[in-house]
Amino acid sequence: MTETENSRTPQEGIAETLHDLSDHTAALARREVDSALRETWNKARQSGPPAALLAASGVLALFATVSPTG
């Protein structure tokens, strides 16, 4: 052990360890949220064209039902 390690109290060591744990947990949470956002956007981009076709068909069906027939 070095001289600086001997001069610390056990409470200081525990406090430092808890602070490090808190920092690492926050960083992990941020990475997980970023990963989830990227995954969600990728899925949204992949399902975009089919969703647009479905919306367009709904609009066409609406026009067909409200248009007067000759």
N, C-alpha and C. Protein backbone atom coordinates (compact mmCIF):
# COMPACT_ATOMS: atom_id res chain seq x y z
N MET A 1 0.84 -1.18 0.00
CA MET A 1 0.00 0.00 0.00
C MET A 1 0.88 1.24 0.00
N THR A 2 0.39 2.24 -0.67
CA THR A 2 1.15 3.49 -0.69
C THR A 2 0.70 4.36 0.47
N GLU A 3 1.43 5.43 0.67
CA GLU A 3 1.14 6.32 1.79
C GLU A 3 -0.24 7.00 1.62
N THR A 4 -0.62 7.33 0.38
CA THR A 4 -1.91 7.99 0.18
C THR A 4 -3.07 7.04 0.45
N GLU A 5 -2.88 5.74 0.16
CA GLU A 5 -3.93 4.77 0.45
C GLU A 5 -4.12 4.60 1.95
N ASN A 6 -3.03 4.68 2.70
CA ASN A 6 -3.11 4.53 4.15
C ASN A 6 -3.78 5.72 4.81
N SER A 7 -3.68 6.90 4.20
CA SER A 7 -4.21 8.09 4.84
C SER A 7 -5.72 8.25 4.61
N ARG A 8 -6.31 7.47 3.72
CA ARG A 8 -7.75 7.55 3.47
C ARG A 8 -8.51 6.74 4.51
N THR A 9 -9.66 7.26 4.86
CA THR A 9 -10.51 6.51 5.78
C THR A 9 -11.34 5.53 4.97
N PRO A 10 -11.86 4.50 5.60
CA PRO A 10 -12.71 3.56 4.86
C PRO A 10 -13.94 4.24 4.25
N GLN A 11 -14.47 5.24 4.93
CA GLN A 11 -15.64 5.95 4.40
C GLN A 11 -15.29 6.67 3.10
N GLU A 12 -14.09 7.25 3.04
CA GLU A 12 -13.67 7.94 1.81
C GLU A 12 -13.55 6.95 0.66
N GLY A 13 -13.00 5.78 0.94
CA GLY A 13 -12.86 4.74 -0.09
C GLY A 13 -14.21 4.27 -0.59
N ILE A 14 -15.14 4.08 0.33
CA ILE A 14 -16.48 3.66 -0.05
C ILE A 14 -17.17 4.76 -0.85
N ALA A 15 -17.03 6.00 -0.41
CA ALA A 15 -17.65 7.11 -1.12
C ALA A 15 -17.10 7.22 -2.54
N GLU A 16 -15.80 7.06 -2.69
CA GLU A 16 -15.19 7.12 -4.02
C GLU A 16 -15.69 5.98 -4.90
N THR A 17 -15.78 4.81 -4.33
CA THR A 17 -16.25 3.65 -5.08
C THR A 17 -17.70 3.84 -5.52
N LEU A 18 -18.54 4.35 -4.63
CA LEU A 18 -19.94 4.60 -4.98
C LEU A 18 -20.05 5.68 -6.05
N HIS A 19 -19.20 6.69 -5.98
CA HIS A 19 -19.20 7.74 -7.00
C HIS A 19 -18.82 7.15 -8.36
N ASP A 20 -17.78 6.31 -8.38
CA ASP A 20 -17.37 5.66 -9.63
C ASP A 20 -18.50 4.78 -10.17
N LEU A 21 -19.15 4.03 -9.29
CA LEU A 21 -20.25 3.17 -9.70
C LEU A 21 -21.38 4.00 -10.30
N SER A 22 -21.68 5.12 -9.69
CA SER A 22 -22.73 6.01 -10.20
C SER A 22 -22.37 6.54 -11.58
N ASP A 23 -21.13 6.95 -11.75
CA ASP A 23 -20.67 7.46 -13.06
C ASP A 23 -20.77 6.38 -14.13
N HIS A 24 -20.33 5.17 -13.82
CA HIS A 24 -20.36 4.08 -14.79
C HIS A 24 -21.80 3.68 -15.12
N THR A 25 -22.67 3.69 -14.13
CA THR A 25 -24.07 3.34 -14.37
C THR A 25 -24.73 4.38 -15.26
N ALA A 26 -24.46 5.64 -15.02
CA ALA A 26 -25.04 6.71 -15.85
C ALA A 26 -24.54 6.59 -17.29
N ALA A 27 -23.27 6.32 -17.47
CA ALA A 27 -22.71 6.18 -18.82
C ALA A 27 -23.34 4.98 -19.53
N LEU A 28 -23.51 3.88 -18.82
CA LEU A 28 -24.13 2.70 -19.41
C LEU A 28 -25.57 2.99 -19.80
N ALA A 29 -26.30 3.68 -18.96
CA ALA A 29 -27.70 4.02 -19.27
C ALA A 29 -27.77 4.90 -20.51
N ARG A 30 -26.88 5.87 -20.62
CA ARG A 30 -26.87 6.74 -21.81
C ARG A 30 -26.59 5.93 -23.07
N ARG A 31 -25.63 5.01 -23.00
CA ARG A 31 -25.33 4.18 -24.17
C ARG A 31 -26.52 3.30 -24.55
N GLU A 32 -27.19 2.75 -23.57
CA GLU A 32 -28.35 1.90 -23.85
C GLU A 32 -29.48 2.70 -24.49
N VAL A 33 -29.72 3.90 -24.01
CA VAL A 33 -30.77 4.75 -24.59
C VAL A 33 -30.39 5.12 -26.02
N ASP A 34 -29.14 5.49 -26.25
CA ASP A 34 -28.69 5.82 -27.60
C ASP A 34 -28.86 4.63 -28.54
N SER A 35 -28.52 3.45 -28.07
CA SER A 35 -28.66 2.24 -28.87
C SER A 35 -30.12 1.96 -29.19
N ALA A 36 -30.99 2.12 -28.22
CA ALA A 36 -32.42 1.90 -28.44
C ALA A 36 -32.98 2.91 -29.44
N LEU A 37 -32.55 4.16 -29.35
CA LEU A 37 -33.00 5.17 -30.31
C LEU A 37 -32.55 4.84 -31.73
N ARG A 38 -31.29 4.44 -31.87
CA ARG A 38 -30.80 4.07 -33.20
C ARG A 38 -31.60 2.90 -33.76
N GLU A 39 -31.85 1.89 -32.93
CA GLU A 39 -32.60 0.72 -33.37
C GLU A 39 -34.03 1.11 -33.78
N THR A 40 -34.66 1.97 -33.00
CA THR A 40 -36.02 2.41 -33.32
C THR A 40 -36.06 3.17 -34.63
N TRP A 41 -35.10 4.08 -34.83
CA TRP A 41 -35.06 4.84 -36.08
C TRP A 41 -34.80 3.94 -37.28
N ASN A 42 -33.93 2.95 -37.11
CA ASN A 42 -33.66 2.02 -38.21
C ASN A 42 -34.92 1.24 -38.58
N LYS A 43 -35.66 0.79 -37.57
CA LYS A 43 -36.91 0.06 -37.84
C LYS A 43 -37.93 0.97 -38.50
N ALA A 44 -37.99 2.22 -38.07
CA ALA A 44 -38.94 3.17 -38.65
C ALA A 44 -38.60 3.44 -40.12
N ARG A 45 -37.32 3.54 -40.42
CA ARG A 45 -36.91 3.76 -41.80
C ARG A 45 -37.25 2.57 -42.68
N GLN A 46 -37.10 1.37 -42.13
CA GLN A 46 -37.40 0.16 -42.89
C GLN A 46 -38.90 0.02 -43.13
N SER A 47 -39.71 0.44 -42.20
CA SER A 47 -41.16 0.29 -42.36
C SER A 47 -41.80 1.52 -42.97
N GLY A 48 -41.03 2.52 -43.31
CA GLY A 48 -41.57 3.76 -43.89
C GLY A 48 -42.29 3.57 -45.20
N PRO A 49 -41.67 2.95 -46.20
CA PRO A 49 -42.35 2.79 -47.50
C PRO A 49 -43.66 1.98 -47.40
N PRO A 50 -43.71 0.86 -46.70
CA PRO A 50 -45.00 0.16 -46.59
C PRO A 50 -46.07 1.00 -45.88
N ALA A 51 -45.67 1.76 -44.89
CA ALA A 51 -46.63 2.61 -44.18
C ALA A 51 -47.15 3.71 -45.10
N ALA A 52 -46.29 4.25 -45.95
CA ALA A 52 -46.72 5.29 -46.89
C ALA A 52 -47.70 4.72 -47.91
N LEU A 53 -47.46 3.51 -48.39
CA LEU A 53 -48.38 2.87 -49.33
C LEU A 53 -49.74 2.61 -48.68
N LEU A 54 -49.72 2.18 -47.43
CA LEU A 54 -50.97 1.94 -46.71
C LEU A 54 -51.75 3.24 -46.53
N ALA A 55 -51.07 4.31 -46.18
CA ALA A 55 -51.73 5.61 -46.01
C ALA A 55 -52.30 6.09 -47.34
N ALA A 56 -51.55 5.93 -48.42
CA ALA A 56 -52.04 6.36 -49.73
C ALA A 56 -53.27 5.55 -50.14
N SER A 57 -53.25 4.27 -49.87
CA SER A 57 -54.43 3.46 -50.23
C SER A 57 -55.63 3.87 -49.40
N GLY A 58 -55.43 4.26 -48.15
CA GLY A 58 -56.52 4.75 -47.32
C GLY A 58 -57.10 6.04 -47.86
N VAL A 59 -56.25 6.93 -48.32
CA VAL A 59 -56.72 8.19 -48.90
C VAL A 59 -57.51 7.92 -50.18
N LEU A 60 -57.00 7.04 -51.01
CA LEU A 60 -57.72 6.69 -52.25
C LEU A 60 -59.07 6.05 -51.94
N ALA A 61 -59.12 5.20 -50.93
CA ALA A 61 -60.39 4.58 -50.55
C ALA A 61 -61.37 5.64 -50.03
N LEU A 62 -60.88 6.60 -49.30
CA LEU A 62 -61.74 7.68 -48.80
C LEU A 62 -62.30 8.48 -49.97
N PHE A 63 -61.44 8.82 -50.94
CA PHE A 63 -61.92 9.56 -52.11
C PHE A 63 -62.94 8.74 -52.89
N ALA A 64 -62.74 7.45 -52.99
CA ALA A 64 -63.66 6.60 -53.75
C ALA A 64 -65.03 6.54 -53.07
N THR A 65 -65.07 6.59 -51.74
CA THR A 65 -66.35 6.50 -51.05
C THR A 65 -67.11 7.82 -51.04
N VAL A 66 -66.44 8.93 -51.08
CA VAL A 66 -67.12 10.22 -51.02
C VAL A 66 -67.35 10.87 -52.39
N SER A 67 -66.75 10.32 -53.40
CA SER A 67 -66.92 10.92 -54.73
C SER A 67 -68.29 10.55 -55.29
N PRO A 68 -68.93 11.49 -55.97
CA PRO A 68 -70.23 11.18 -56.56
C PRO A 68 -70.06 10.25 -57.77
N THR A 69 -70.95 9.37 -57.89
CA THR A 69 -70.88 8.46 -59.04
C THR A 69 -71.82 8.98 -60.13
N GLY A 70 -71.42 8.82 -61.33
CA GLY A 70 -72.07 9.39 -62.46
C GLY A 70 -73.32 8.79 -62.86
